[in-house]
Amino acid sequence: VEIDRYAFLTIMRSGLPMYWCPCFGEEYGTFWTFQQREVLDTAPLPVQNYFVFALTKRKGIDSITTLSAPLNSNKKTGKTFFQE
């Protein structure tokens, strides 16, 4: 909201099924800090793939195709990547 008030209003008025969850650091807040591995290791494969795609920003890979792609993990570095 602080960055672009008009973009926020446009999205909220778009009619898309969205929910606004204010970010507070209290008991019922929506701000959490965690290690990605703690959460994503048990997430469904498409969710893991989404985050790998979003965080690696590899060019030439279709975002929809990656949702069902197998993943490889490098145990030494902890890095996860798509099979070529």
PDB file of N, CA and C in Angstrom:
ATOM      1  N   VAL A   1       0.833  -1.181   0.000  1.00  0.00           N
ATOM      2  CA  VAL A   1       0.000   0.000   0.000  1.00  0.00           C
ATOM      3  C   VAL A   1       0.877   1.243   0.000  1.00  0.00           C
ATOM      4  N   GLU A   2       1.953   1.220   0.772  1.00  0.00           N
ATOM      5  CA  GLU A   2       2.820   2.394   0.851  1.00  0.00           C
ATOM      6  C   GLU A   2       3.527   2.677  -0.464  1.00  0.00           C
ATOM      7  N   ILE A   3       3.819   1.644  -1.243  1.00  0.00           N
ATOM      8  CA  ILE A   3       4.583   1.839  -2.476  1.00  0.00           C
ATOM      9  C   ILE A   3       3.713   2.422  -3.579  1.00  0.00           C
ATOM     10  N   ASP A   4       2.528   1.850  -3.805  1.00  0.00           N
ATOM     11  CA  ASP A   4       1.662   2.318  -4.885  1.00  0.00           C
ATOM     12  C   ASP A   4       0.198   2.188  -4.459  1.00  0.00           C
ATOM     13  N   ARG A   5      -0.312   3.227  -3.875  1.00  0.00           N
ATOM     14  CA  ARG A   5      -1.678   3.234  -3.353  1.00  0.00           C
ATOM     15  C   ARG A   5      -2.705   2.936  -4.444  1.00  0.00           C
ATOM     16  N   TYR A   6      -2.510   3.491  -5.644  1.00  0.00           N
ATOM     17  CA  TYR A   6      -3.485   3.311  -6.719  1.00  0.00           C
ATOM     18  C   TYR A   6      -3.465   1.887  -7.271  1.00  0.00           C
ATOM     19  N   ALA A   7      -2.310   1.280  -7.330  1.00  0.00           N
ATOM     20  CA  ALA A   7      -2.229  -0.123  -7.752  1.00  0.00           C
ATOM     21  C   ALA A   7      -2.962  -1.003  -6.746  1.00  0.00           C
ATOM     22  N   PHE A   8      -2.774  -0.740  -5.463  1.00  0.00           N
ATOM     23  CA  PHE A   8      -3.460  -1.495  -4.418  1.00  0.00           C
ATOM     24  C   PHE A   8      -4.971  -1.360  -4.570  1.00  0.00           C
ATOM     25  N   LEU A   9      -5.457  -0.144  -4.740  1.00  0.00           N
ATOM     26  CA  LEU A   9      -6.897   0.073  -4.893  1.00  0.00           C
ATOM     27  C   LEU A   9      -7.439  -0.615  -6.138  1.00  0.00           C
ATOM     28  N   THR A  10      -6.690  -0.558  -7.231  1.00  0.00           N
ATOM     29  CA  THR A  10      -7.118  -1.201  -8.470  1.00  0.00           C
ATOM     30  C   THR A  10      -7.254  -2.706  -8.284  1.00  0.00           C
ATOM     31  N   ILE A  11      -6.283  -3.305  -7.638  1.00  0.00           N
ATOM     32  CA  ILE A  11      -6.334  -4.753  -7.400  1.00  0.00           C
ATOM     33  C   ILE A  11      -7.498  -5.101  -6.476  1.00  0.00           C
ATOM     34  N   MET A  12      -7.679  -4.350  -5.417  1.00  0.00           N
ATOM     35  CA  MET A  12      -8.741  -4.654  -4.458  1.00  0.00           C
ATOM     36  C   MET A  12     -10.133  -4.448  -5.055  1.00  0.00           C
ATOM     37  N   ARG A  13     -10.255  -3.557  -6.026  1.00  0.00           N
ATOM     38  CA  ARG A  13     -11.550  -3.301  -6.674  1.00  0.00           C
ATOM     39  C   ARG A  13     -11.758  -4.155  -7.925  1.00  0.00           C
ATOM     40  N   SER A  14     -10.814  -5.009  -8.253  1.00  0.00           N
ATOM     41  CA  SER A  14     -10.857  -5.772  -9.505  1.00  0.00           C
ATOM     42  C   SER A  14     -11.913  -6.870  -9.523  1.00  0.00           C
ATOM     43  N   GLY A  15     -12.400  -7.279  -8.373  1.00  0.00           N
ATOM     44  CA  GLY A  15     -13.366  -8.369  -8.335  1.00  0.00           C
ATOM     45  C   GLY A  15     -12.716  -9.741  -8.254  1.00  0.00           C
ATOM     46  N   LEU A  16     -11.391  -9.782  -8.236  1.00  0.00           N
ATOM     47  CA  LEU A  16     -10.687 -11.053  -8.086  1.00  0.00           C
ATOM     48  C   LEU A  16     -10.890 -11.584  -6.669  1.00  0.00           C
ATOM     49  N   PRO A  17     -10.861 -12.904  -6.498  1.00  0.00           N
ATOM     50  CA  PRO A  17     -11.057 -13.463  -5.154  1.00  0.00           C
ATOM     51  C   PRO A  17      -9.820 -13.264  -4.283  1.00  0.00           C
ATOM     52  N   MET A  18      -9.702 -12.078  -3.711  1.00  0.00           N
ATOM     53  CA  MET A  18      -8.535 -11.740  -2.900  1.00  0.00           C
ATOM     54  C   MET A  18      -8.978 -11.346  -1.502  1.00  0.00           C
ATOM     55  N   TYR A  19      -8.078 -11.559  -0.575  1.00  0.00           N
ATOM     56  CA  TYR A  19      -8.320 -11.172   0.810  1.00  0.00           C
ATOM     57  C   TYR A  19      -7.151 -10.310   1.269  1.00  0.00           C
ATOM     58  N   TRP A  20      -7.463  -9.234   1.936  1.00  0.00           N
ATOM     59  CA  TRP A  20      -6.417  -8.381   2.478  1.00  0.00           C
ATOM     60  C   TRP A  20      -6.161  -8.812   3.904  1.00  0.00           C
ATOM     61  N   CYS A  21      -4.937  -9.143   4.184  1.00  0.00           N
ATOM     62  CA  CYS A  21      -4.534  -9.549   5.531  1.00  0.00           C
ATOM     63  C   CYS A  21      -3.472  -8.575   6.004  1.00  0.00           C
ATOM     64  N   PRO A  22      -3.832  -7.663   6.894  1.00  0.00           N
ATOM     65  CA  PRO A  22      -2.848  -6.685   7.348  1.00  0.00           C
ATOM     66  C   PRO A  22      -1.661  -7.361   8.027  1.00  0.00           C
ATOM     67  N   CYS A  23      -0.523  -6.782   7.864  1.00  0.00           N
ATOM     68  CA  CYS A  23       0.714  -7.358   8.386  1.00  0.00           C
ATOM     69  C   CYS A  23       1.022  -6.752   9.750  1.00  0.00           C
ATOM     70  N   PHE A  24       0.759  -7.507  10.785  1.00  0.00           N
ATOM     71  CA  PHE A  24       1.066  -7.081  12.143  1.00  0.00           C
ATOM     72  C   PHE A  24       2.002  -8.100  12.763  1.00  0.00           C
ATOM     73  N   GLY A  25       2.791  -7.683  13.704  1.00  0.00           N
ATOM     74  CA  GLY A  25       3.718  -8.588  14.362  1.00  0.00           C
ATOM     75  C   GLY A  25       3.187  -9.158  15.657  1.00  0.00           C
ATOM     76  N   GLU A  26       1.891  -9.171  15.822  1.00  0.00           N
ATOM     77  CA  GLU A  26       1.299  -9.646  17.069  1.00  0.00           C
ATOM     78  C   GLU A  26       0.760 -11.064  16.906  1.00  0.00           C
ATOM     79  N   GLU A  27       0.029 -11.521  17.897  1.00  0.00           N
ATOM     80  CA  GLU A  27      -0.440 -12.912  17.942  1.00  0.00           C
ATOM     81  C   GLU A  27      -1.212 -13.337  16.687  1.00  0.00           C
ATOM     82  N   TYR A  28      -2.079 -12.498  16.175  1.00  0.00           N
ATOM     83  CA  TYR A  28      -2.900 -12.871  15.024  1.00  0.00           C
ATOM     84  C   TYR A  28      -2.429 -12.210  13.736  1.00  0.00           C
ATOM     85  N   GLY A  29      -1.187 -11.845  13.667  1.00  0.00           N
ATOM     86  CA  GLY A  29      -0.644 -11.158  12.511  1.00  0.00           C
ATOM     87  C   GLY A  29      -0.408 -12.066  11.320  1.00  0.00           C
ATOM     88  N   THR A  30      -0.118 -11.448  10.206  1.00  0.00           N
ATOM     89  CA  THR A  30       0.153 -12.190   8.975  1.00  0.00           C
ATOM     90  C   THR A  30       1.614 -12.063   8.564  1.00  0.00           C
ATOM     91  N   PHE A  31       2.471 -11.685   9.474  1.00  0.00           N
ATOM     92  CA  PHE A  31       3.902 -11.577   9.188  1.00  0.00           C
ATOM     93  C   PHE A  31       4.614 -12.701   9.923  1.00  0.00           C
ATOM     94  N   TRP A  32       5.292 -13.559   9.154  1.00  0.00           N
ATOM     95  CA  TRP A  32       6.020 -14.674   9.753  1.00  0.00           C
ATOM     96  C   TRP A  32       7.421 -14.713   9.184  1.00  0.00           C
ATOM     97  N   THR A  33       8.347 -15.161   9.974  1.00  0.00           N
ATOM     98  CA  THR A  33       9.685 -15.449   9.470  1.00  0.00           C
ATOM     99  C   THR A  33       9.950 -16.927   9.723  1.00  0.00           C
ATOM    100  N   PHE A  34      10.548 -17.565   8.737  1.00  0.00           N
ATOM    101  CA  PHE A  34      10.835 -18.990   8.833  1.00  0.00           C
ATOM    102  C   PHE A  34      11.879 -19.348   7.786  1.00  0.00           C
ATOM    103  N   GLN A  35      12.487 -20.498   7.961  1.00  0.00           N
ATOM    104  CA  GLN A  35      13.396 -21.030   6.957  1.00  0.00           C
ATOM    105  C   GLN A  35      12.536 -21.673   5.876  1.00  0.00           C
ATOM    106  N   GLN A  36      12.777 -21.328   4.614  1.00  0.00           N
ATOM    107  CA  GLN A  36      11.964 -21.866   3.523  1.00  0.00           C
ATOM    108  C   GLN A  36      11.935 -23.388   3.536  1.00  0.00           C
ATOM    109  N   ARG A  37      13.066 -24.009   3.821  1.00  0.00           N
ATOM    110  CA  ARG A  37      13.127 -25.471   3.806  1.00  0.00           C
ATOM    111  C   ARG A  37      12.150 -26.079   4.816  1.00  0.00           C
ATOM    112  N   GLU A  38      11.964 -25.422   5.967  1.00  0.00           N
ATOM    113  CA  GLU A  38      11.053 -25.940   6.990  1.00  0.00           C
ATOM    114  C   GLU A  38       9.621 -26.039   6.481  1.00  0.00           C
ATOM    115  N   VAL A  39       9.229 -25.128   5.619  1.00  0.00           N
ATOM    116  CA  VAL A  39       7.859 -25.095   5.121  1.00  0.00           C
ATOM    117  C   VAL A  39       7.736 -25.816   3.780  1.00  0.00           C
ATOM    118  N   LEU A  40       8.676 -25.570   2.887  1.00  0.00           N
ATOM    119  CA  LEU A  40       8.542 -26.088   1.529  1.00  0.00           C
ATOM    120  C   LEU A  40       8.871 -27.565   1.386  1.00  0.00           C
ATOM    121  N   ASP A  41       9.656 -28.136   2.285  1.00  0.00           N
ATOM    122  CA  ASP A  41       9.989 -29.563   2.177  1.00  0.00           C
ATOM    123  C   ASP A  41       8.751 -30.447   2.218  1.00  0.00           C
ATOM    124  N   THR A  42       7.721 -30.020   2.923  1.00  0.00           N
ATOM    125  CA  THR A  42       6.509 -30.832   3.033  1.00  0.00           C
ATOM    126  C   THR A  42       5.371 -30.307   2.162  1.00  0.00           C
ATOM    127  N   ALA A  43       5.619 -29.250   1.413  1.00  0.00           N
ATOM    128  CA  ALA A  43       4.594 -28.683   0.534  1.00  0.00           C
ATOM    129  C   ALA A  43       4.418 -29.574  -0.698  1.00  0.00           C
ATOM    130  N   PRO A  44       3.244 -29.544  -1.325  1.00  0.00           N
ATOM    131  CA  PRO A  44       3.046 -30.309  -2.558  1.00  0.00           C
ATOM    132  C   PRO A  44       4.046 -29.874  -3.630  1.00  0.00           C
ATOM    133  N   LEU A  45       4.404 -30.798  -4.515  1.00  0.00           N
ATOM    134  CA  LEU A  45       5.401 -30.529  -5.554  1.00  0.00           C
ATOM    135  C   LEU A  45       5.095 -29.268  -6.366  1.00  0.00           C
ATOM    136  N   PRO A  46       3.846 -29.032  -6.813  1.00  0.00           N
ATOM    137  CA  PRO A  46       3.596 -27.796  -7.568  1.00  0.00           C
ATOM    138  C   PRO A  46       3.921 -26.527  -6.778  1.00  0.00           C
ATOM    139  N   VAL A  47       3.695 -26.537  -5.478  1.00  0.00           N
ATOM    140  CA  VAL A  47       4.016 -25.370  -4.646  1.00  0.00           C
ATOM    141  C   VAL A  47       5.531 -25.202  -4.554  1.00  0.00           C
ATOM    142  N   GLN A  48       6.256 -26.295  -4.353  1.00  0.00           N
ATOM    143  CA  GLN A  48       7.721 -26.238  -4.331  1.00  0.00           C
ATOM    144  C   GLN A  48       8.237 -25.703  -5.663  1.00  0.00           C
ATOM    145  N   ASN A  49       7.681 -26.226  -6.752  1.00  0.00           N
ATOM    146  CA  ASN A  49       8.117 -25.795  -8.082  1.00  0.00           C
ATOM    147  C   ASN A  49       7.869 -24.313  -8.305  1.00  0.00           C
ATOM    148  N   TYR A  50       6.731 -23.815  -7.826  1.00  0.00           N
ATOM    149  CA  TYR A  50       6.440 -22.394  -7.982  1.00  0.00           C
ATOM    150  C   TYR A  50       7.525 -21.547  -7.326  1.00  0.00           C
ATOM    151  N   PHE A  51       7.898 -21.899  -6.103  1.00  0.00           N
ATOM    152  CA  PHE A  51       8.901 -21.113  -5.392  1.00  0.00           C
ATOM    153  C   PHE A  51      10.287 -21.252  -6.018  1.00  0.00           C
ATOM    154  N   VAL A  52      10.638 -22.448  -6.476  1.00  0.00           N
ATOM    155  CA  VAL A  52      11.928 -22.616  -7.160  1.00  0.00           C
ATOM    156  C   VAL A  52      11.946 -21.751  -8.411  1.00  0.00           C
ATOM    157  N   PHE A  53      10.869 -21.780  -9.182  1.00  0.00           N
ATOM    158  CA  PHE A  53      10.787 -20.964 -10.395  1.00  0.00           C
ATOM    159  C   PHE A  53      10.883 -19.477 -10.055  1.00  0.00           C
ATOM    160  N   ALA A  54      10.124 -19.039  -9.067  1.00  0.00           N
ATOM    161  CA  ALA A  54      10.090 -17.619  -8.711  1.00  0.00           C
ATOM    162  C   ALA A  54      11.421 -17.132  -8.156  1.00  0.00           C
ATOM    163  N   LEU A  55      12.093 -17.968  -7.381  1.00  0.00           N
ATOM    164  CA  LEU A  55      13.331 -17.532  -6.729  1.00  0.00           C
ATOM    165  C   LEU A  55      14.569 -17.684  -7.603  1.00  0.00           C
ATOM    166  N   THR A  56      14.557 -18.618  -8.551  1.00  0.00           N
ATOM    167  CA  THR A  56      15.739 -18.789  -9.400  1.00  0.00           C
ATOM    168  C   THR A  56      15.686 -17.912 -10.639  1.00  0.00           C
ATOM    169  N   LYS A  57      14.498 -17.541 -11.068  1.00  0.00           N
ATOM    170  CA  LYS A  57      14.311 -16.650 -12.224  1.00  0.00           C
ATOM    171  C   LYS A  57      15.073 -17.132 -13.455  1.00  0.00           C
ATOM    172  N   ARG A  58      15.049 -18.445 -13.683  1.00  0.00           N
ATOM    173  CA  ARG A  58      15.749 -18.992 -14.850  1.00  0.00           C
ATOM    174  C   ARG A  58      15.016 -18.624 -16.118  1.00  0.00           C
ATOM    175  N   LYS A  59      15.751 -18.200 -17.098  1.00  0.00           N
ATOM    176  CA  LYS A  59      15.171 -17.797 -18.377  1.00  0.00           C
ATOM    177  C   LYS A  59      14.928 -19.029 -19.243  1.00  0.00           C
ATOM    178  N   GLY A  60      13.931 -18.947 -20.115  1.00  0.00           N
ATOM    179  CA  GLY A  60      13.655 -20.019 -21.049  1.00  0.00           C
ATOM    180  C   GLY A  60      12.865 -21.172 -20.465  1.00  0.00           C
ATOM    181  N   ILE A  61      12.366 -21.022 -19.242  1.00  0.00           N
ATOM    182  CA  ILE A  61      11.566 -22.073 -18.624  1.00  0.00           C
ATOM    183  C   ILE A  61      10.140 -21.552 -18.485  1.00  0.00           C
ATOM    184  N   ASP A  62       9.193 -22.338 -18.965  1.00  0.00           N
ATOM    185  CA  ASP A  62       7.788 -21.965 -18.907  1.00  0.00           C
ATOM    186  C   ASP A  62       7.262 -22.143 -17.484  1.00  0.00           C
ATOM    187  N   SER A  63       6.645 -21.117 -16.943  1.00  0.00           N
ATOM    188  CA  SER A  63       6.194 -21.164 -15.547  1.00  0.00           C
ATOM    189  C   SER A  63       5.125 -22.224 -15.312  1.00  0.00           C
ATOM    190  N   ILE A  64       4.248 -22.453 -16.261  1.00  0.00           N
ATOM    191  CA  ILE A  64       3.188 -23.452 -16.091  1.00  0.00           C
ATOM    192  C   ILE A  64       3.761 -24.859 -16.167  1.00  0.00           C
ATOM    193  N   THR A  65       4.671 -25.091 -17.101  1.00  0.00           N
ATOM    194  CA  THR A  65       5.294 -26.405 -17.245  1.00  0.00           C
ATOM    195  C   THR A  65       6.058 -26.787 -15.986  1.00  0.00           C
ATOM    196  N   THR A  66       6.667 -25.825 -15.332  1.00  0.00           N
ATOM    197  CA  THR A  66       7.480 -26.127 -14.149  1.00  0.00           C
ATOM    198  C   THR A  66       6.659 -26.647 -12.974  1.00  0.00           C
ATOM    199  N   LEU A  67       5.364 -26.375 -12.956  1.00  0.00           N
ATOM    200  CA  LEU A  67       4.549 -26.815 -11.820  1.00  0.00           C
ATOM    201  C   LEU A  67       4.557 -28.329 -11.651  1.00  0.00           C
ATOM    202  N   SER A  68       4.708 -29.062 -12.767  1.00  0.00           N
ATOM    203  CA  SER A  68       4.714 -30.525 -12.672  1.00  0.00           C
ATOM    204  C   SER A  68       6.082 -31.126 -12.964  1.00  0.00           C
ATOM    205  N   ALA A  69       7.109 -30.299 -13.073  1.00  0.00           N
ATOM    206  CA  ALA A  69       8.455 -30.795 -13.379  1.00  0.00           C
ATOM    207  C   ALA A  69       9.074 -31.467 -12.161  1.00  0.00           C
ATOM    208  N   PRO A  70       9.891 -32.519 -12.386  1.00  0.00           N
ATOM    209  CA  PRO A  70      10.609 -33.116 -11.255  1.00  0.00           C
ATOM    210  C   PRO A  70      11.690 -32.163 -10.753  1.00  0.00           C
ATOM    211  N   LEU A  71      12.022 -32.261  -9.485  1.00  0.00           N
ATOM    212  CA  LEU A  71      13.058 -31.421  -8.888  1.00  0.00           C
ATOM    213  C   LEU A  71      14.266 -32.261  -8.526  1.00  0.00           C
ATOM    214  N   ASN A  72      15.437 -31.654  -8.592  1.00  0.00           N
ATOM    215  CA  ASN A  72      16.673 -32.251  -8.081  1.00  0.00           C
ATOM    216  C   ASN A  72      17.131 -31.401  -6.912  1.00  0.00           C
ATOM    217  N   SER A  73      17.684 -32.012  -5.903  1.00  0.00           N
ATOM    218  CA  SER A  73      18.245 -31.270  -4.776  1.00  0.00           C
ATOM    219  C   SER A  73      19.710 -31.614  -4.641  1.00  0.00           C
ATOM    220  N   ASN A  74      20.525 -30.595  -4.446  1.00  0.00           N
ATOM    221  CA  ASN A  74      21.937 -30.797  -4.188  1.00  0.00           C
ATOM    222  C   ASN A  74      22.101 -30.790  -2.676  1.00  0.00           C
ATOM    223  N   LYS A  75      22.338 -31.953  -2.090  1.00  0.00           N
ATOM    224  CA  LYS A  75      22.411 -32.071  -0.626  1.00  0.00           C
ATOM    225  C   LYS A  75      23.562 -31.261  -0.034  1.00  0.00           C
ATOM    226  N   LYS A  76      24.658 -31.082  -0.797  1.00  0.00           N
ATOM    227  CA  LYS A  76      25.810 -30.338  -0.271  1.00  0.00           C
ATOM    228  C   LYS A  76      25.515 -28.849  -0.154  1.00  0.00           C
ATOM    229  N   THR A  77      24.896 -28.288  -1.195  1.00  0.00           N
ATOM    230  CA  THR A  77      24.653 -26.847  -1.195  1.00  0.00           C
ATOM    231  C   THR A  77      23.267 -26.490  -0.686  1.00  0.00           C
ATOM    232  N   GLY A  78      22.363 -27.467  -0.674  1.00  0.00           N
ATOM    233  CA  GLY A  78      20.993 -27.182  -0.274  1.00  0.00           C
ATOM    234  C   GLY A  78      20.180 -26.547  -1.379  1.00  0.00           C
ATOM    235  N   LYS A  79      20.767 -26.398  -2.564  1.00  0.00           N
ATOM    236  CA  LYS A  79      20.062 -25.766  -3.670  1.00  0.00           C
ATOM    237  C   LYS A  79      19.173 -26.783  -4.371  1.00  0.00           C
ATOM    238  N   THR A  80      18.014 -26.322  -4.786  1.00  0.00           N
ATOM    239  CA  THR A  80      17.075 -27.151  -5.528  1.00  0.00           C
ATOM    240  C   THR A  80      16.932 -26.552  -6.912  1.00  0.00           C
ATOM    241  N   PHE A  81      16.834 -27.411  -7.911  1.00  0.00           N
ATOM    242  CA  PHE A  81      16.734 -26.931  -9.277  1.00  0.00           C
ATOM    243  C   PHE A  81      15.918 -27.908 -10.096  1.00  0.00           C
ATOM    244  N   PHE A  82      15.469 -27.467 -11.265  1.00  0.00           N
ATOM    245  CA  PHE A  82      14.701 -28.312 -12.163  1.00  0.00           C
ATOM    246  C   PHE A  82      15.626 -29.246 -12.914  1.00  0.00           C
ATOM    247  N   GLN A  83      15.136 -30.456 -13.169  1.00  0.00           N
ATOM    248  CA  GLN A  83      15.904 -31.375 -14.002  1.00  0.00           C
ATOM    249  C   GLN A  83      15.933 -30.815 -15.410  1.00  0.00           C
ATOM    250  N   GLU A  84      17.069 -30.922 -16.034  1.00  0.00           N
ATOM    251  CA  GLU A  84      17.213 -30.440 -17.415  1.00  0.00           C
ATOM    252  C   GLU A  84      16.717 -31.498 -18.368  1.00  0.00           C
TER     253      GLU A  84
END
